[in-house]
Amino acid sequence: MDIGKVDDVTNLICYPTVTYKSEFVEASMIVPVDETNLLQAATIHSISWKESHRAFCTPDFIETHTPDRQREYLRNKMNNGTKLYMIVEEKPIGVVSVTKGLIEDLYILPDMQNMGYGTKLLLYAVGQCTDTPTLWILENNINAERLYRRIGFKETGRKNAITNKLDEIEFALT
């Protein structure tokens, strides 16, 4: 599925970002999400959410997470004060949301993972937090946990039961 290209980057507000050794990540920029690029952000969210939840959600439930549904989800978050950001190169690659200190919705397209984009977007999100940066991860998301611990996040001891077999765990940057 093609999620489109950013044709005129001169009209986007760009924020300074941390530079990494990867030539790909150095060429990327982080832009705010608004109505003009919300469908692109929602498409990234849909594709990445489906891939990350495929192992433990039913196929029918997975397929309900369409770009249109995720667009409404993200729009509602924005309407309630959440800030959304997208990492872009020739095309959008990943998204993240920040509400005060809560970082959520960090998703990188599956074929662009493990290249530094998630780290770059997470560090940017941390910089946007107005309270102590916190986030919740599913206990089975080992890759996310490794990333968060590498940045300095630590478990707080708080958990939420998602199902009778799966918890989400809170992490904070202390």
Protein backbone atom coordinates (compact mmCIF):
# COMPACT_ATOMS: atom_id res chain seq x y z
CA MET A 1 0.00 0.00 0.00
CA ASP A 2 1.46 3.36 -1.02
CA ILE A 3 1.01 6.00 1.64
CA GLY A 4 1.93 8.87 -0.61
CA LYS A 5 4.83 11.24 -0.87
CA VAL A 6 5.44 14.63 0.59
CA ASP A 7 5.81 16.61 -2.61
CA ASP A 8 6.29 20.11 -1.26
CA VAL A 9 8.31 19.98 1.91
CA THR A 10 8.86 23.73 1.79
CA ASN A 11 5.38 24.23 3.22
CA LEU A 12 5.96 21.93 6.19
CA ILE A 13 7.12 23.16 9.57
CA CYS A 14 10.32 21.30 10.32
CA TYR A 15 11.84 20.83 13.76
CA PRO A 16 15.48 20.25 14.62
CA THR A 17 16.24 16.61 15.27
CA VAL A 18 19.07 14.55 16.66
CA THR A 19 21.45 13.24 13.97
CA TYR A 20 22.49 9.59 13.90
CA LYS A 21 25.11 7.72 11.92
CA SER A 22 22.64 6.18 9.48
CA GLU A 23 22.58 8.18 6.25
CA PHE A 24 18.86 7.42 5.97
CA VAL A 25 17.96 8.81 9.36
CA GLU A 26 20.09 11.94 8.81
CA ALA A 27 18.02 12.80 5.74
CA SER A 28 14.71 12.56 7.61
CA MET A 29 12.73 15.33 9.28
CA ILE A 30 9.98 15.43 11.86
CA VAL A 31 6.83 17.38 11.06
CA PRO A 32 3.65 18.08 13.00
CA VAL A 33 0.54 16.18 11.95
CA ASP A 34 -2.50 18.26 11.02
CA GLU A 35 -5.50 17.78 8.73
CA THR A 36 -3.31 18.06 5.61
CA ASN A 37 -1.23 14.96 6.46
CA LEU A 38 -3.52 13.17 8.92
CA LEU A 39 -4.43 10.39 6.47
CA GLN A 40 -0.74 9.68 5.88
CA ALA A 41 -0.17 9.43 9.64
CA ALA A 42 -3.26 7.24 10.00
CA THR A 43 -2.07 4.93 7.24
CA ILE A 44 1.29 4.46 8.98
CA HIS A 45 -0.57 3.84 12.24
CA SER A 46 -2.89 1.29 10.58
CA ILE A 47 -0.15 -0.67 8.80
CA SER A 48 2.19 -0.73 11.79
CA TRP A 49 -0.52 -1.42 14.39
CA LYS A 50 -1.79 -4.38 12.38
CA GLU A 51 1.70 -5.84 12.06
CA SER A 52 2.55 -5.38 15.74
CA HIS A 53 -0.73 -6.89 16.98
CA ARG A 54 -1.13 -9.72 14.45
CA ALA A 55 0.38 -12.37 16.74
CA PHE A 56 -2.20 -11.97 19.53
CA CYS A 57 -5.34 -10.37 18.06
CA THR A 58 -7.96 -12.05 15.89
CA PRO A 59 -7.78 -11.42 12.14
CA ASP A 60 -11.24 -9.81 12.21
CA PHE A 61 -10.17 -7.37 14.93
CA ILE A 62 -6.91 -6.59 13.09
CA GLU A 63 -8.77 -5.74 9.90
CA THR A 64 -11.00 -3.20 11.67
CA HIS A 65 -7.95 -0.94 12.09
CA THR A 66 -8.21 0.67 8.67
CA PRO A 67 -6.57 3.99 7.77
CA ASP A 68 -10.00 5.67 7.96
CA ARG A 69 -10.65 4.30 11.45
CA GLN A 70 -7.18 5.27 12.62
CA ARG A 71 -7.64 8.74 11.11
CA GLU A 72 -10.71 9.25 13.33
CA TYR A 73 -8.82 7.86 16.34
CA LEU A 74 -5.92 10.27 15.74
CA ARG A 75 -8.23 13.20 14.95
CA ASN A 76 -10.05 12.68 18.26
CA LYS A 77 -6.72 12.66 20.09
CA MET A 78 -5.67 15.90 18.38
CA ASN A 79 -9.04 17.50 19.19
CA ASN A 80 -8.40 16.67 22.86
CA GLY A 81 -4.99 18.35 22.97
CA THR A 82 -2.63 15.59 21.89
CA LYS A 83 0.21 16.61 19.58
CA LEU A 84 1.07 14.24 16.74
CA TYR A 85 4.34 14.12 14.84
CA MET A 86 5.50 12.23 11.77
CA ILE A 87 9.00 11.34 10.61
CA VAL A 88 9.37 11.82 6.85
CA GLU A 89 11.99 11.20 4.18
CA GLU A 90 10.79 10.80 0.61
CA LYS A 91 7.65 9.41 2.19
CA PRO A 92 6.22 9.30 5.72
CA ILE A 93 7.88 6.59 7.82
CA GLY A 94 6.57 6.81 11.38
CA VAL A 95 4.27 8.57 13.84
CA VAL A 96 4.12 9.38 17.55
CA SER A 97 1.73 11.23 19.83
CA VAL A 98 2.46 13.31 22.94
CA THR A 99 -0.03 14.42 25.59
CA LYS A 100 1.76 16.38 28.34
CA GLY A 101 4.18 13.65 29.44
CA LEU A 102 2.46 10.65 27.89
CA ILE A 103 4.06 9.27 24.73
CA GLU A 104 1.82 6.96 22.68
CA ASP A 105 1.28 5.67 19.18
CA LEU A 106 4.96 5.29 18.31
CA TYR A 107 4.76 3.34 15.08
CA ILE A 108 7.34 2.92 12.32
CA LEU A 109 6.46 1.19 9.04
CA PRO A 110 7.53 -2.47 9.35
CA ASP A 111 10.03 -2.33 6.47
CA MET A 112 11.68 0.78 7.97
CA GLN A 113 12.20 -0.56 11.49
CA ASN A 114 15.62 -1.15 13.06
CA MET A 115 17.16 1.74 11.11
CA GLY A 116 17.10 4.40 13.83
CA TYR A 117 13.79 6.08 12.97
CA GLY A 118 12.04 4.91 16.12
CA THR A 119 14.90 6.18 18.27
CA LYS A 120 14.87 9.54 16.51
CA LEU A 121 11.11 9.91 16.84
CA LEU A 122 11.13 8.80 20.49
CA LEU A 123 13.87 11.28 21.42
CA TYR A 124 11.94 14.01 19.67
CA ALA A 125 8.75 13.05 21.53
CA VAL A 126 10.63 13.13 24.84
CA GLY A 127 11.65 16.70 24.02
CA GLN A 128 8.00 17.66 23.45
CA CYS A 129 6.85 16.39 26.85
CA THR A 130 5.77 19.00 29.39
CA ASP A 131 5.71 16.46 32.25
CA THR A 132 7.86 13.42 33.06
CA PRO A 133 7.94 11.32 29.89
CA THR A 134 5.95 8.11 30.38
CA LEU A 135 4.67 5.42 28.07
CA TRP A 136 2.93 2.07 28.21
CA ILE A 137 3.98 -1.03 26.30
CA LEU A 138 2.53 -4.47 25.90
CA GLU A 139 4.59 -6.88 27.97
CA ASN A 140 5.26 -9.01 24.89
CA ASN A 141 6.76 -6.11 22.90
CA ILE A 142 10.41 -6.96 23.50
CA ASN A 143 11.76 -4.71 20.72
CA ALA A 144 9.99 -1.63 22.10
CA GLU A 145 11.13 -2.44 25.62
CA ARG A 146 14.74 -2.71 24.44
CA LEU A 147 14.47 0.70 22.72
CA TYR A 148 12.91 2.40 25.74
CA ARG A 149 15.43 0.95 28.18
CA ARG A 150 18.31 2.02 25.91
CA ILE A 151 17.01 5.61 26.03
CA GLY A 152 16.77 5.45 29.84
CA PHE A 153 13.13 4.55 30.53
CA LYS A 154 12.51 2.35 33.56
CA GLU A 155 9.50 0.33 34.69
CA THR A 156 7.37 2.18 37.23
CA GLY A 157 5.69 -0.94 38.62
CA ARG A 158 2.27 0.05 37.26
CA LYS A 159 0.44 -2.45 35.02
CA ASN A 160 -2.90 -2.63 33.23
CA ALA A 161 -4.49 -5.92 32.25
CA ILE A 162 -5.32 -5.87 28.55
CA THR A 163 -6.63 -9.43 28.56
CA ASN A 164 -6.44 -12.20 31.12
CA LYS A 165 -3.15 -13.21 29.46
CA LEU A 166 -1.59 -9.86 28.50
CA ASP A 167 -0.62 -6.76 30.49
CA GLU A 168 0.70 -3.40 29.48
CA ILE A 169 3.53 -2.01 31.57
CA GLU A 170 4.27 1.65 32.35
CA PHE A 171 7.76 3.04 31.79
CA ALA A 172 9.02 6.49 32.76
CA LEU A 173 12.15 8.43 31.93
CA THR A 174 13.71 9.19 35.29
